[in-house]
Amino acid sequence: MSARAALALALGAALAFAAASCGSARRGEPIAGPLVLRSESEVRGQKVFYTFCNKCHPGGDGGLGPALNNKPLPTFLKKYQVRHGLGAMPSFSEDVISDQELDDLMHFLSALRERGD
């Protein structure tokens, strides 16, 4: 094998490895199966999520915004981020998402994280 052919082969392998390494987070149905909501709060939170959050965080996965399913922030910081925004994320005042709706949203996000959707 010539040096040129070996270099082309090595470059092709490196590009294939790089392409495989750049995959995004898993999307679609969770490995554990569909999410089953266990409380009225989670059901109400799901409605808030699909009204305000799903456009940028589809199904809790990364999209225009980052994935929420594996966000390691405590609840009070997530609430702060919803109220005050961060970077490209808009803020949502109490006039838009009430305190009760925000609590319900946090319950739904916890269900996403704990149950793998």
PDB file of N, CA and C in Angstrom:
ATOM      1  N   MET A   1       0.859  -1.166   0.000  1.00  0.00           N
ATOM      2  CA  MET A   1       0.000   0.000   0.000  1.00  0.00           C
ATOM      3  C   MET A   1       0.907   1.232   0.000  1.00  0.00           C
ATOM      4  N   SER A   2       0.593   2.172  -0.864  1.00  0.00           N
ATOM      5  CA  SER A   2       1.415   3.374  -0.954  1.00  0.00           C
ATOM      6  C   SER A   2       1.133   4.290   0.224  1.00  0.00           C
ATOM      7  N   ALA A   3       2.050   5.200   0.455  1.00  0.00           N
ATOM      8  CA  ALA A   3       1.888   6.166   1.543  1.00  0.00           C
ATOM      9  C   ALA A   3       0.648   7.020   1.308  1.00  0.00           C
ATOM     10  N   ARG A   4       0.392   7.344   0.067  1.00  0.00           N
ATOM     11  CA  ARG A   4      -0.779   8.165  -0.273  1.00  0.00           C
ATOM     12  C   ARG A   4      -2.074   7.399   0.031  1.00  0.00           C
ATOM     13  N   ALA A   5      -2.132   6.132  -0.304  1.00  0.00           N
ATOM     14  CA  ALA A   5      -3.313   5.310  -0.040  1.00  0.00           C
ATOM     15  C   ALA A   5      -3.507   5.118   1.462  1.00  0.00           C
ATOM     16  N   ALA A   6      -2.416   4.929   2.189  1.00  0.00           N
ATOM     17  CA  ALA A   6      -2.499   4.772   3.639  1.00  0.00           C
ATOM     18  C   ALA A   6      -3.011   6.053   4.296  1.00  0.00           C
ATOM     19  N   LEU A   7      -2.532   7.204   3.811  1.00  0.00           N
ATOM     20  CA  LEU A   7      -2.986   8.483   4.339  1.00  0.00           C
ATOM     21  C   LEU A   7      -4.473   8.679   4.052  1.00  0.00           C
ATOM     22  N   ALA A   8      -4.922   8.342   2.848  1.00  0.00           N
ATOM     23  CA  ALA A   8      -6.331   8.467   2.485  1.00  0.00           C
ATOM     24  C   ALA A   8      -7.191   7.549   3.354  1.00  0.00           C
ATOM     25  N   LEU A   9      -6.713   6.336   3.597  1.00  0.00           N
ATOM     26  CA  LEU A   9      -7.441   5.394   4.435  1.00  0.00           C
ATOM     27  C   LEU A   9      -7.535   5.912   5.873  1.00  0.00           C
ATOM     28  N   ALA A  10      -6.423   6.426   6.406  1.00  0.00           N
ATOM     29  CA  ALA A  10      -6.408   6.954   7.767  1.00  0.00           C
ATOM     30  C   ALA A  10      -7.320   8.169   7.886  1.00  0.00           C
ATOM     31  N   LEU A  11      -7.286   9.049   6.880  1.00  0.00           N
ATOM     32  CA  LEU A  11      -8.140  10.228   6.895  1.00  0.00           C
ATOM     33  C   LEU A  11      -9.610   9.826   6.827  1.00  0.00           C
ATOM     34  N   GLY A  12      -9.933   8.843   6.004  1.00  0.00           N
ATOM     35  CA  GLY A  12     -11.313   8.356   5.915  1.00  0.00           C
ATOM     36  C   GLY A  12     -11.788   7.768   7.229  1.00  0.00           C
ATOM     37  N   ALA A  13     -10.919   6.999   7.876  1.00  0.00           N
ATOM     38  CA  ALA A  13     -11.277   6.402   9.174  1.00  0.00           C
ATOM     39  C   ALA A  13     -11.486   7.487  10.222  1.00  0.00           C
ATOM     40  N   ALA A  14     -10.619   8.510  10.223  1.00  0.00           N
ATOM     41  CA  ALA A  14     -10.751   9.611  11.187  1.00  0.00           C
ATOM     42  C   ALA A  14     -12.053  10.369  10.959  1.00  0.00           C
ATOM     43  N   LEU A  15     -12.398  10.617   9.715  1.00  0.00           N
ATOM     44  CA  LEU A  15     -13.650  11.314   9.413  1.00  0.00           C
ATOM     45  C   LEU A  15     -14.866  10.477   9.807  1.00  0.00           C
ATOM     46  N   ALA A  16     -14.821   9.186   9.577  1.00  0.00           N
ATOM     47  CA  ALA A  16     -15.924   8.303   9.970  1.00  0.00           C
ATOM     48  C   ALA A  16     -16.085   8.287  11.488  1.00  0.00           C
ATOM     49  N   PHE A  17     -14.969   8.242  12.207  1.00  0.00           N
ATOM     50  CA  PHE A  17     -15.011   8.262  13.671  1.00  0.00           C
ATOM     51  C   PHE A  17     -15.585   9.584  14.162  1.00  0.00           C
ATOM     52  N   ALA A  18     -15.144  10.696  13.571  1.00  0.00           N
ATOM     53  CA  ALA A  18     -15.638  12.018  13.968  1.00  0.00           C
ATOM     54  C   ALA A  18     -17.130  12.140  13.709  1.00  0.00           C
ATOM     55  N   ALA A  19     -17.583  11.654  12.580  1.00  0.00           N
ATOM     56  CA  ALA A  19     -19.010  11.720  12.256  1.00  0.00           C
ATOM     57  C   ALA A  19     -19.835  10.900  13.243  1.00  0.00           C
ATOM     58  N   ALA A  20     -19.332   9.734  13.610  1.00  0.00           N
ATOM     59  CA  ALA A  20     -20.056   8.882  14.564  1.00  0.00           C
ATOM     60  C   ALA A  20     -20.065   9.490  15.954  1.00  0.00           C
ATOM     61  N   SER A  21     -19.042  10.246  16.303  1.00  0.00           N
ATOM     62  CA  SER A  21     -18.935  10.836  17.638  1.00  0.00           C
ATOM     63  C   SER A  21     -19.801  12.063  17.809  1.00  0.00           C
ATOM     64  N   CYS A  22     -20.263  12.643  16.719  1.00  0.00           N
ATOM     65  CA  CYS A  22     -21.011  13.896  16.779  1.00  0.00           C
ATOM     66  C   CYS A  22     -22.511  13.693  16.877  1.00  0.00           C
ATOM     67  N   GLY A  23     -22.959  12.507  17.167  1.00  0.00           N
ATOM     68  CA  GLY A  23     -24.393  12.255  17.264  1.00  0.00           C
ATOM     69  C   GLY A  23     -25.022  13.033  18.402  1.00  0.00           C
ATOM     70  N   SER A  24     -26.293  13.360  18.258  1.00  0.00           N
ATOM     71  CA  SER A  24     -27.003  14.084  19.303  1.00  0.00           C
ATOM     72  C   SER A  24     -27.597  13.096  20.294  1.00  0.00           C
ATOM     73  N   ALA A  25     -28.219  13.643  21.330  1.00  0.00           N
ATOM     74  CA  ALA A  25     -28.862  12.799  22.332  1.00  0.00           C
ATOM     75  C   ALA A  25     -29.969  11.982  21.682  1.00  0.00           C
ATOM     76  N   ARG A  26     -30.234  10.805  22.238  1.00  0.00           N
ATOM     77  CA  ARG A  26     -31.283   9.932  21.724  1.00  0.00           C
ATOM     78  C   ARG A  26     -32.604  10.680  21.707  1.00  0.00           C
ATOM     79  N   ARG A  27     -33.357  10.500  20.651  1.00  0.00           N
ATOM     80  CA  ARG A  27     -34.657  11.145  20.523  1.00  0.00           C
ATOM     81  C   ARG A  27     -35.725  10.097  20.276  1.00  0.00           C
ATOM     82  N   GLY A  28     -36.953  10.488  20.403  1.00  0.00           N
ATOM     83  CA  GLY A  28     -38.054   9.580  20.134  1.00  0.00           C
ATOM     84  C   GLY A  28     -38.484   8.842  21.384  1.00  0.00           C
ATOM     85  N   GLU A  29     -39.046   7.692  21.191  1.00  0.00           N
ATOM     86  CA  GLU A  29     -39.556   6.907  22.312  1.00  0.00           C
ATOM     87  C   GLU A  29     -38.428   6.528  23.256  1.00  0.00           C
ATOM     88  N   PRO A  30     -38.642   6.668  24.548  1.00  0.00           N
ATOM     89  CA  PRO A  30     -37.612   6.303  25.511  1.00  0.00           C
ATOM     90  C   PRO A  30     -37.391   4.795  25.524  1.00  0.00           C
ATOM     91  N   ILE A  31     -36.232   4.400  25.965  1.00  0.00           N
ATOM     92  CA  ILE A  31     -35.898   2.982  26.055  1.00  0.00           C
ATOM     93  C   ILE A  31     -36.856   2.258  26.992  1.00  0.00           C
ATOM     94  N   ALA A  32     -37.273   2.954  28.064  1.00  0.00           N
ATOM     95  CA  ALA A  32     -38.144   2.333  29.062  1.00  0.00           C
ATOM     96  C   ALA A  32     -39.608   2.286  28.635  1.00  0.00           C
ATOM     97  N   GLY A  33     -39.954   2.842  27.484  1.00  0.00           N
ATOM     98  CA  GLY A  33     -41.332   2.875  27.026  1.00  0.00           C
ATOM     99  C   GLY A  33     -41.933   4.249  27.223  1.00  0.00           C
ATOM    100  N   PRO A  34     -43.186   4.429  26.828  1.00  0.00           N
ATOM    101  CA  PRO A  34     -43.815   5.744  26.928  1.00  0.00           C
ATOM    102  C   PRO A  34     -43.943   6.206  28.374  1.00  0.00           C
ATOM    103  N   LEU A  35     -43.884   7.504  28.536  1.00  0.00           N
ATOM    104  CA  LEU A  35     -44.012   8.110  29.865  1.00  0.00           C
ATOM    105  C   LEU A  35     -45.442   7.972  30.361  1.00  0.00           C
ATOM    106  N   VAL A  36     -45.605   7.473  31.574  1.00  0.00           N
ATOM    107  CA  VAL A  36     -46.906   7.372  32.210  1.00  0.00           C
ATOM    108  C   VAL A  36     -46.941   8.407  33.325  1.00  0.00           C
ATOM    109  N   LEU A  37     -47.866   9.355  33.220  1.00  0.00           N
ATOM    110  CA  LEU A  37     -47.985  10.402  34.236  1.00  0.00           C
ATOM    111  C   LEU A  37     -48.772   9.863  35.414  1.00  0.00           C
ATOM    112  N   ARG A  38     -48.255  10.098  36.616  1.00  0.00           N
ATOM    113  CA  ARG A  38     -48.821   9.472  37.811  1.00  0.00           C
ATOM    114  C   ARG A  38     -49.642  10.406  38.687  1.00  0.00           C
ATOM    115  N   SER A  39     -49.665  11.699  38.366  1.00  0.00           N
ATOM    116  CA  SER A  39     -50.422  12.621  39.212  1.00  0.00           C
ATOM    117  C   SER A  39     -51.072  13.696  38.345  1.00  0.00           C
ATOM    118  N   GLU A  40     -52.068  14.342  38.911  1.00  0.00           N
ATOM    119  CA  GLU A  40     -52.731  15.451  38.209  1.00  0.00           C
ATOM    120  C   GLU A  40     -51.742  16.598  37.978  1.00  0.00           C
ATOM    121  N   SER A  41     -50.838  16.793  38.916  1.00  0.00           N
ATOM    122  CA  SER A  41     -49.839  17.845  38.768  1.00  0.00           C
ATOM    123  C   SER A  41     -48.950  17.590  37.548  1.00  0.00           C
ATOM    124  N   GLU A  42     -48.551  16.342  37.347  1.00  0.00           N
ATOM    125  CA  GLU A  42     -47.739  16.002  36.174  1.00  0.00           C
ATOM    126  C   GLU A  42     -48.526  16.210  34.880  1.00  0.00           C
ATOM    127  N   VAL A  43     -49.818  15.885  34.896  1.00  0.00           N
ATOM    128  CA  VAL A  43     -50.663  16.071  33.712  1.00  0.00           C
ATOM    129  C   VAL A  43     -50.784  17.562  33.396  1.00  0.00           C
ATOM    130  N   ARG A  44     -51.034  18.375  34.432  1.00  0.00           N
ATOM    131  CA  ARG A  44     -51.121  19.825  34.209  1.00  0.00           C
ATOM    132  C   ARG A  44     -49.781  20.378  33.753  1.00  0.00           C
ATOM    133  N   GLY A  45     -48.693  19.874  34.334  1.00  0.00           N
ATOM    134  CA  GLY A  45     -47.358  20.313  33.933  1.00  0.00           C
ATOM    135  C   GLY A  45     -47.035  19.963  32.498  1.00  0.00           C
ATOM    136  N   GLN A  46     -47.531  18.813  32.035  1.00  0.00           N
ATOM    137  CA  GLN A  46     -47.325  18.423  30.645  1.00  0.00           C
ATOM    138  C   GLN A  46     -47.999  19.433  29.709  1.00  0.00           C
ATOM    139  N   LYS A  47     -49.185  19.900  30.083  1.00  0.00           N
ATOM    140  CA  LYS A  47     -49.875  20.900  29.262  1.00  0.00           C
ATOM    141  C   LYS A  47     -49.076  22.194  29.199  1.00  0.00           C
ATOM    142  N   VAL A  48     -48.523  22.618  30.332  1.00  0.00           N
ATOM    143  CA  VAL A  48     -47.687  23.823  30.358  1.00  0.00           C
ATOM    144  C   VAL A  48     -46.458  23.607  29.478  1.00  0.00           C
ATOM    145  N   PHE A  49     -45.840  22.442  29.606  1.00  0.00           N
ATOM    146  CA  PHE A  49     -44.646  22.129  28.823  1.00  0.00           C
ATOM    147  C   PHE A  49     -44.939  22.213  27.328  1.00  0.00           C
ATOM    148  N   TYR A  50     -46.016  21.570  26.885  1.00  0.00           N
ATOM    149  CA  TYR A  50     -46.319  21.563  25.458  1.00  0.00           C
ATOM    150  C   TYR A  50     -46.779  22.931  24.953  1.00  0.00           C
ATOM    151  N   THR A  51     -47.289  23.771  25.829  1.00  0.00           N
ATOM    152  CA  THR A  51     -47.675  25.123  25.436  1.00  0.00           C
ATOM    153  C   THR A  51     -46.462  26.038  25.296  1.00  0.00           C
ATOM    154  N   PHE A  52     -45.515  25.962  26.229  1.00  0.00           N
ATOM    155  CA  PHE A  52     -44.431  26.943  26.281  1.00  0.00           C
ATOM    156  C   PHE A  52     -43.035  26.402  25.992  1.00  0.00           C
ATOM    157  N   CYS A  53     -42.777  25.138  26.231  1.00  0.00           N
ATOM    158  CA  CYS A  53     -41.401  24.628  26.221  1.00  0.00           C
ATOM    159  C   CYS A  53     -41.070  23.717  25.048  1.00  0.00           C
ATOM    160  N   ASN A  54     -42.039  22.977  24.588  1.00  0.00           N
ATOM    161  CA  ASN A  54     -41.778  21.916  23.620  1.00  0.00           C
ATOM    162  C   ASN A  54     -41.205  22.427  22.301  1.00  0.00           C
ATOM    163  N   LYS A  55     -41.505  23.659  21.921  1.00  0.00           N
ATOM    164  CA  LYS A  55     -41.001  24.192  20.656  1.00  0.00           C
ATOM    165  C   LYS A  55     -39.477  24.198  20.624  1.00  0.00           C
ATOM    166  N   CYS A  56     -38.865  24.527  21.736  1.00  0.00           N
ATOM    167  CA  CYS A  56     -37.395  24.619  21.809  1.00  0.00           C
ATOM    168  C   CYS A  56     -36.742  23.388  22.429  1.00  0.00           C
ATOM    169  N   HIS A  57     -37.506  22.642  23.219  1.00  0.00           N
ATOM    170  CA  HIS A  57     -37.002  21.440  23.896  1.00  0.00           C
ATOM    171  C   HIS A  57     -37.939  20.277  23.554  1.00  0.00           C
ATOM    172  N   PRO A  58     -37.964  19.827  22.287  1.00  0.00           N
ATOM    173  CA  PRO A  58     -38.954  18.831  21.863  1.00  0.00           C
ATOM    174  C   PRO A  58     -38.910  17.538  22.678  1.00  0.00           C
ATOM    175  N   GLY A  59     -39.998  17.284  23.371  1.00  0.00           N
ATOM    176  CA  GLY A  59     -40.080  16.086  24.206  1.00  0.00           C
ATOM    177  C   GLY A  59     -39.084  16.073  25.345  1.00  0.00           C
ATOM    178  N   GLY A  60     -38.503  17.229  25.651  1.00  0.00           N
ATOM    179  CA  GLY A  60     -37.479  17.315  26.692  1.00  0.00           C
ATOM    180  C   GLY A  60     -36.073  17.124  26.162  1.00  0.00           C
ATOM    181  N   ASP A  61     -35.955  16.740  24.891  1.00  0.00           N
ATOM    182  CA  ASP A  61     -34.639  16.566  24.257  1.00  0.00           C
ATOM    183  C   ASP A  61     -34.117  17.907  23.767  1.00  0.00           C
ATOM    184  N   GLY A  62     -32.879  17.901  23.311  1.00  0.00           N
ATOM    185  CA  GLY A  62     -32.291  19.103  22.754  1.00  0.00           C
ATOM    186  C   GLY A  62     -32.902  19.427  21.404  1.00  0.00           C
ATOM    187  N   GLY A  63     -33.075  20.687  21.158  1.00  0.00           N
ATOM    188  CA  GLY A  63     -33.564  21.195  19.882  1.00  0.00           C
ATOM    189  C   GLY A  63     -32.936  22.559  19.713  1.00  0.00           C
ATOM    190  N   LEU A  64     -33.758  23.592  19.608  1.00  0.00           N
ATOM    191  CA  LEU A  64     -33.235  24.955  19.623  1.00  0.00           C
ATOM    192  C   LEU A  64     -32.583  25.235  20.973  1.00  0.00           C
ATOM    193  N   GLY A  65     -33.171  24.689  22.028  1.00  0.00           N
ATOM    194  CA  GLY A  65     -32.610  24.780  23.378  1.00  0.00           C
ATOM    195  C   GLY A  65     -31.997  23.451  23.768  1.00  0.00           C
ATOM    196  N   PRO A  66     -31.268  23.416  24.881  1.00  0.00           N
ATOM    197  CA  PRO A  66     -30.632  22.162  25.315  1.00  0.00           C
ATOM    198  C   PRO A  66     -31.643  21.158  25.861  1.00  0.00           C
ATOM    199  N   ALA A  67     -31.211  19.928  25.984  1.00  0.00           N
ATOM    200  CA  ALA A  67     -32.056  18.878  26.557  1.00  0.00           C
ATOM    201  C   ALA A  67     -32.381  19.213  28.010  1.00  0.00           C
ATOM    202  N   LEU A  68     -33.590  18.913  28.414  1.00  0.00           N
ATOM    203  CA  LEU A  68     -34.014  19.124  29.801  1.00  0.00           C
ATOM    204  C   LEU A  68     -34.049  17.822  30.582  1.00  0.00           C
ATOM    205  N   ASN A  69     -34.106  16.700  29.875  1.00  0.00           N
ATOM    206  CA  ASN A  69     -34.248  15.394  30.518  1.00  0.00           C
ATOM    207  C   ASN A  69     -33.078  15.065  31.434  1.00  0.00           C
ATOM    208  N   ASN A  70     -31.923  15.613  31.136  1.00  0.00           N
ATOM    209  CA  ASN A  70     -30.749  15.290  31.951  1.00  0.00           C
ATOM    210  C   ASN A  70     -30.148  16.536  32.580  1.00  0.00           C
ATOM    211  N   LYS A  71     -30.943  17.575  32.743  1.00  0.00           N
ATOM    212  CA  LYS A  71     -30.456  18.818  33.337  1.00  0.00           C
ATOM    213  C   LYS A  71     -30.306  18.615  34.846  1.00  0.00           C
ATOM    214  N   PRO A  72     -29.073  18.713  35.371  1.00  0.00           N
ATOM    215  CA  PRO A  72     -28.841  18.370  36.775  1.00  0.00           C
ATOM    216  C   PRO A  72     -29.122  19.500  37.766  1.00  0.00           C
ATOM    217  N   LEU A  73     -29.813  20.555  37.351  1.00  0.00           N
ATOM    218  CA  LEU A  73     -30.075  21.666  38.262  1.00  0.00           C
ATOM    219  C   LEU A  73     -31.158  21.327  39.276  1.00  0.00           C
ATOM    220  N   PRO A  74     -31.046  21.863  40.488  1.00  0.00           N
ATOM    221  CA  PRO A  74     -32.144  21.683  41.452  1.00  0.00           C
ATOM    222  C   PRO A  74     -33.369  22.476  40.988  1.00  0.00           C
ATOM    223  N   THR A  75     -34.515  22.109  41.501  1.00  0.00           N
ATOM    224  CA  THR A  75     -35.782  22.694  41.072  1.00  0.00           C
ATOM    225  C   THR A  75     -35.801  24.211  41.203  1.00  0.00           C
ATOM    226  N   PHE A  76     -35.284  24.765  42.299  1.00  0.00           N
ATOM    227  CA  PHE A  76     -35.361  26.209  42.481  1.00  0.00           C
ATOM    228  C   PHE A  76     -34.577  26.952  41.402  1.00  0.00           C
ATOM    229  N   LEU A  77     -33.494  26.376  40.905  1.00  0.00           N
ATOM    230  CA  LEU A  77     -32.745  27.016  39.819  1.00  0.00           C
ATOM    231  C   LEU A  77     -33.470  26.889  38.480  1.00  0.00           C
ATOM    232  N   LYS A  78     -34.136  25.774  38.253  1.00  0.00           N
ATOM    233  CA  LYS A  78     -34.936  25.642  37.032  1.00  0.00           C
ATOM    234  C   LYS A  78     -36.061  26.671  37.039  1.00  0.00           C
ATOM    235  N   LYS A  79     -36.707  26.845  38.192  1.00  0.00           N
ATOM    236  CA  LYS A  79     -37.765  27.849  38.307  1.00  0.00           C
ATOM    237  C   LYS A  79     -37.210  29.247  38.037  1.00  0.00           C
ATOM    238  N   TYR A  80     -36.050  29.533  38.590  1.00  0.00           N
ATOM    239  CA  TYR A  80     -35.415  30.827  38.373  1.00  0.00           C
ATOM    240  C   TYR A  80     -35.158  31.043  36.885  1.00  0.00           C
ATOM    241  N   GLN A  81     -34.680  30.027  36.206  1.00  0.00           N
ATOM    242  CA  GLN A  81     -34.395  30.132  34.781  1.00  0.00           C
ATOM    243  C   GLN A  81     -35.672  30.380  33.982  1.00  0.00           C
ATOM    244  N   VAL A  82     -36.764  29.723  34.351  1.00  0.00           N
ATOM    245  CA  VAL A  82     -38.035  29.952  33.667  1.00  0.00           C
ATOM    246  C   VAL A  82     -38.493  31.394  33.883  1.00  0.00           C
ATOM    247  N   ARG A  83     -38.381  31.882  35.094  1.00  0.00           N
ATOM    248  CA  ARG A  83     -38.839  33.242  35.411  1.00  0.00           C
ATOM    249  C   ARG A  83     -37.947  34.330  34.792  1.00  0.00           C
ATOM    250  N   HIS A  84     -36.635  34.078  34.720  1.00  0.00           N
ATOM    251  CA  HIS A  84     -35.701  35.133  34.304  1.00  0.00           C
ATOM    252  C   HIS A  84     -35.056  34.895  32.943  1.00  0.00           C
ATOM    253  N   GLY A  85     -35.236  33.711  32.380  1.00  0.00           N
ATOM    254  CA  GLY A  85     -34.616  33.406  31.096  1.00  0.00           C
ATOM    255  C   GLY A  85     -33.112  33.248  31.238  1.00  0.00           C
ATOM    256  N   LEU A  86     -32.481  32.850  30.152  1.00  0.00           N
ATOM    257  CA  LEU A  86     -31.025  32.714  30.139  1.00  0.00           C
ATOM    258  C   LEU A  86     -30.593  32.571  28.690  1.00  0.00           C
ATOM    259  N   GLY A  87     -29.684  33.405  28.249  1.00  0.00           N
ATOM    260  CA  GLY A  87     -29.242  33.358  26.859  1.00  0.00           C
ATOM    261  C   GLY A  87     -30.417  33.607  25.927  1.00  0.00           C
ATOM    262  N   ALA A  88     -30.659  32.680  25.024  1.00  0.00           N
ATOM    263  CA  ALA A  88     -31.756  32.820  24.063  1.00  0.00           C
ATOM    264  C   ALA A  88     -33.114  32.463  24.670  1.00  0.00           C
ATOM    265  N   MET A  89     -33.110  31.851  25.856  1.00  0.00           N
ATOM    266  CA  MET A  89     -34.376  31.475  26.474  1.00  0.00           C
ATOM    267  C   MET A  89     -35.095  32.707  27.007  1.00  0.00           C
ATOM    268  N   PRO A  90     -36.372  32.866  26.642  1.00  0.00           N
ATOM    269  CA  PRO A  90     -37.130  34.012  27.164  1.00  0.00           C
ATOM    270  C   PRO A  90     -37.521  33.782  28.619  1.00  0.00           C
ATOM    271  N   SER A  91     -37.888  34.864  29.275  1.00  0.00           N
ATOM    272  CA  SER A  91     -38.408  34.755  30.643  1.00  0.00           C
ATOM    273  C   SER A  91     -39.934  34.611  30.559  1.00  0.00           C
ATOM    274  N   PHE A  92     -40.495  33.940  31.558  1.00  0.00           N
ATOM    275  CA  PHE A  92     -41.937  33.746  31.633  1.00  0.00           C
ATOM    276  C   PHE A  92     -42.416  34.271  32.979  1.00  0.00           C
ATOM    277  N   SER A  93     -43.090  35.408  32.954  1.00  0.00           N
ATOM    278  CA  SER A  93     -43.566  36.031  34.193  1.00  0.00           C
ATOM    279  C   SER A  93     -44.754  35.264  34.765  1.00  0.00           C
ATOM    280  N   GLU A  94     -45.174  35.658  35.973  1.00  0.00           N
ATOM    281  CA  GLU A  94     -46.341  35.046  36.613  1.00  0.00           C
ATOM    282  C   GLU A  94     -47.607  35.294  35.808  1.00  0.00           C
ATOM    283  N   ASP A  95     -47.614  36.348  34.988  1.00  0.00           N
ATOM    284  CA  ASP A  95     -48.777  36.622  34.133  1.00  0.00           C
ATOM    285  C   ASP A  95     -48.893  35.598  33.010  1.00  0.00           C
ATOM    286  N   VAL A  96     -47.777  34.987  32.639  1.00  0.00           N
ATOM    287  CA  VAL A  96     -47.759  34.014  31.547  1.00  0.00           C
ATOM    288  C   VAL A  96     -47.874  32.589  32.098  1.00  0.00           C
ATOM    289  N   ILE A  97     -47.015  32.239  33.051  1.00  0.00           N
ATOM    290  CA  ILE A  97     -47.041  30.943  33.725  1.00  0.00           C
ATOM    291  C   ILE A  97     -47.219  31.230  35.215  1.00  0.00           C
ATOM    292  N   SER A  98     -48.364  30.859  35.757  1.00  0.00           N
ATOM    293  CA  SER A  98     -48.630  31.118  37.178  1.00  0.00           C
ATOM    294  C   SER A  98     -47.679  30.309  38.058  1.00  0.00           C
ATOM    295  N   ASP A  99     -47.630  30.662  39.337  1.00  0.00           N
ATOM    296  CA  ASP A  99     -46.792  29.908  40.272  1.00  0.00           C
ATOM    297  C   ASP A  99     -47.233  28.446  40.335  1.00  0.00           C
ATOM    298  N   GLN A 100     -48.552  28.202  40.328  1.00  0.00           N
ATOM    299  CA  GLN A 100     -49.054  26.820  40.360  1.00  0.00           C
ATOM    300  C   GLN A 100     -48.651  26.080  39.097  1.00  0.00           C
ATOM    301  N   GLU A 101     -48.772  26.726  37.938  1.00  0.00           N
ATOM    302  CA  GLU A 101     -48.369  26.100  36.680  1.00  0.00           C
ATOM    303  C   GLU A 101     -46.867  25.814  36.661  1.00  0.00           C
ATOM    304  N   LEU A 102     -46.085  26.717  37.253  1.00  0.00           N
ATOM    305  CA  LEU A 102     -44.640  26.499  37.321  1.00  0.00           C
ATOM    306  C   LEU A 102     -44.320  25.286  38.200  1.00  0.00           C
ATOM    307  N   ASP A 103     -45.019  25.151  39.324  1.00  0.00           N
ATOM    308  CA  ASP A 103     -44.836  23.962  40.170  1.00  0.00           C
ATOM    309  C   ASP A 103     -45.209  22.692  39.404  1.00  0.00           C
ATOM    310  N   ASP A 104     -46.325  22.744  38.684  1.00  0.00           N
ATOM    311  CA  ASP A 104     -46.757  21.583  37.892  1.00  0.00           C
ATOM    312  C   ASP A 104     -45.728  21.255  36.809  1.00  0.00           C
ATOM    313  N   LEU A 105     -45.182  22.290  36.168  1.00  0.00           N
ATOM    314  CA  LEU A 105     -44.155  22.086  35.148  1.00  0.00           C
ATOM    315  C   LEU A 105     -42.944  21.381  35.741  1.00  0.00           C
ATOM    316  N   MET A 106     -42.545  21.775  36.938  1.00  0.00           N
ATOM    317  CA  MET A 106     -41.389  21.136  37.584  1.00  0.00           C
ATOM    318  C   MET A 106     -41.683  19.666  37.878  1.00  0.00           C
ATOM    319  N   HIS A 107     -42.928  19.351  38.265  1.00  0.00           N
ATOM    320  CA  HIS A 107     -43.291  17.946  38.494  1.00  0.00           C
ATOM    321  C   HIS A 107     -43.203  17.152  37.194  1.00  0.00           C
ATOM    322  N   PHE A 108     -43.662  17.758  36.100  1.00  0.00           N
ATOM    323  CA  PHE A 108     -43.584  17.072  34.812  1.00  0.00           C
ATOM    324  C   PHE A 108     -42.134  16.866  34.394  1.00  0.00           C
ATOM    325  N   LEU A 109     -41.295  17.897  34.552  1.00  0.00           N
ATOM    326  CA  LEU A 109     -39.877  17.755  34.197  1.00  0.00           C
ATOM    327  C   LEU A 109     -39.197  16.686  35.039  1.00  0.00           C
ATOM    328  N   SER A 110     -39.573  16.585  36.298  1.00  0.00           N
ATOM    329  CA  SER A 110     -39.033  15.518  37.156  1.00  0.00           C
ATOM    330  C   SER A 110     -39.454  14.145  36.637  1.00  0.00           C
ATOM    331  N   ALA A 111     -40.702  14.045  36.194  1.00  0.00           N
ATOM    332  CA  ALA A 111     -41.176  12.770  35.639  1.00  0.00           C
ATOM    333  C   ALA A 111     -40.397  12.417  34.385  1.00  0.00           C
ATOM    334  N   LEU A 112     -40.121  13.404  33.529  1.00  0.00           N
ATOM    335  CA  LEU A 112     -39.318  13.151  32.329  1.00  0.00           C
ATOM    336  C   LEU A 112     -37.938  12.616  32.711  1.00  0.00           C
ATOM    337  N   ARG A 113     -37.328  13.267  33.671  1.00  0.00           N
ATOM    338  CA  ARG A 113     -35.972  12.897  34.083  1.00  0.00           C
ATOM    339  C   ARG A 113     -35.931  11.522  34.747  1.00  0.00           C
ATOM    340  N   GLU A 114     -36.867  11.270  35.652  1.00  0.00           N
ATOM    341  CA  GLU A 114     -36.860  10.023  36.414  1.00  0.00           C
ATOM    342  C   GLU A 114     -37.280   8.823  35.587  1.00  0.00           C
ATOM    343  N   ARG A 115     -38.166   9.028  34.630  1.00  0.00           N
ATOM    344  CA  ARG A 115     -38.752   7.899  33.907  1.00  0.00           C
ATOM    345  C   ARG A 115     -38.243   7.808  32.481  1.00  0.00           C
ATOM    346  N   GLY A 116     -37.280   8.653  32.112  1.00  0.00           N
ATOM    347  CA  GLY A 116     -36.563   8.454  30.865  1.00  0.00           C
ATOM    348  C   GLY A 116     -37.217   8.872  29.583  1.00  0.00           C
ATOM    349  N   ASP A 117     -38.218   9.753  29.579  1.00  0.00           N
ATOM    350  CA  ASP A 117     -38.794  10.194  28.305  1.00  0.00           C
ATOM    351  C   ASP A 117     -37.952  11.306  27.713  1.00  0.00           C
TER     352      ASP A 117
END
